[in-house]
Amino acid sequence: MEIKSSYLGTMIGLATVAFGLLAAGAWNAFIKDLIGIFLQPGKGLWAELLYAVLVTLLAIWVIGALGRLAAAQERQSKP
């Protein structure tokens, strides 16, 4: 039985997204619990603001690192 490459590519993409969402949920729980150590959970806006800032900084760092990795890969692939 032959599997079409478009089907295989779609399945790989879906699996990647699914595992990415699982990982994001796990990190979300970890960061909330970590902040809860320093600030009592449910203490209002300050805890939520700190959480939002930390998640935003983490996202910026990850996106920047991925961008640098893609740029390095592109430079290596050029003759």
Protein backbone atom coordinates (compact mmCIF):
# COMPACT_ATOMS: atom_id res chain seq x y z
CA MET A 1 0.00 0.00 0.00
CA GLU A 2 1.45 3.32 -1.09
CA ILE A 3 0.89 6.44 1.02
CA LYS A 4 0.66 9.71 -0.87
CA SER A 5 3.27 12.23 0.19
CA SER A 6 0.62 14.94 0.66
CA TYR A 7 -1.28 12.69 3.07
CA LEU A 8 1.88 11.87 5.00
CA GLY A 9 2.83 15.56 5.14
CA THR A 10 -0.62 16.45 6.45
CA MET A 11 -0.43 13.77 9.15
CA ILE A 12 3.02 14.93 10.22
CA GLY A 13 1.75 18.51 10.42
CA LEU A 14 -1.28 17.51 12.48
CA ALA A 15 0.80 15.41 14.86
CA THR A 16 3.27 18.27 15.27
CA VAL A 17 0.50 20.71 16.14
CA ALA A 18 -1.13 18.25 18.54
CA PHE A 19 2.10 17.62 20.45
CA GLY A 20 2.86 21.35 20.39
CA LEU A 21 -0.47 22.06 22.07
CA LEU A 22 0.21 19.40 24.69
CA ALA A 23 3.62 20.89 25.40
CA ALA A 24 2.15 24.40 25.58
CA GLY A 25 -0.44 23.23 28.09
CA ALA A 26 2.24 21.61 30.23
CA TRP A 27 4.39 24.76 30.18
CA ASN A 28 1.33 26.85 30.96
CA ALA A 29 0.63 24.80 34.08
CA PHE A 30 4.30 24.90 35.12
CA ILE A 31 4.59 28.68 34.79
CA LYS A 32 1.34 29.24 36.70
CA ASP A 33 2.50 26.96 39.50
CA LEU A 34 5.92 28.63 39.57
CA ILE A 35 4.34 32.06 39.91
CA GLY A 36 2.03 30.64 42.56
CA ILE A 37 5.10 29.88 44.70
CA PHE A 38 5.98 33.58 44.84
CA LEU A 39 2.51 35.10 44.64
CA GLN A 40 -0.56 33.56 46.16
CA PRO A 41 -2.83 32.22 43.39
CA GLY A 42 -5.91 34.31 42.81
CA LYS A 43 -4.34 37.49 44.20
CA GLY A 44 -5.66 39.52 41.31
CA LEU A 45 -4.17 41.61 38.60
CA TRP A 46 -0.52 41.56 39.69
CA ALA A 47 -0.24 37.78 39.45
CA GLU A 48 -1.98 37.77 36.08
CA LEU A 49 0.19 40.62 34.80
CA LEU A 50 3.36 38.84 35.90
CA TYR A 51 2.17 35.65 34.21
CA ALA A 52 1.34 37.49 30.97
CA VAL A 53 4.72 39.25 30.92
CA LEU A 54 6.65 36.05 31.55
CA VAL A 55 4.77 34.14 28.85
CA THR A 56 5.26 37.01 26.39
CA LEU A 57 9.00 37.18 27.10
CA LEU A 58 9.29 33.42 26.71
CA ALA A 59 7.43 33.56 23.39
CA ILE A 60 9.67 36.38 22.12
CA TRP A 61 12.78 34.44 23.11
CA VAL A 62 11.61 31.20 21.45
CA ILE A 63 10.53 32.96 18.25
CA GLY A 64 13.84 34.84 18.10
CA ALA A 65 15.83 31.65 18.63
CA LEU A 66 13.87 29.88 15.90
CA GLY A 67 14.45 32.82 13.56
CA ARG A 68 18.18 32.74 14.19
CA LEU A 69 18.20 28.99 13.62
CA ALA A 70 16.33 29.37 10.32
CA ALA A 71 18.71 32.14 9.19
CA ALA A 72 21.74 30.00 10.03
CA GLN A 73 20.25 27.06 8.17
CA GLU A 74 19.57 29.25 5.14
CA ARG A 75 23.15 30.56 5.14
CA GLN A 76 24.51 27.01 5.26
CA SER A 77 22.33 25.87 2.39
CA LYS A 78 23.59 28.60 0.02
CA PRO A 79 26.62 27.67 -2.10
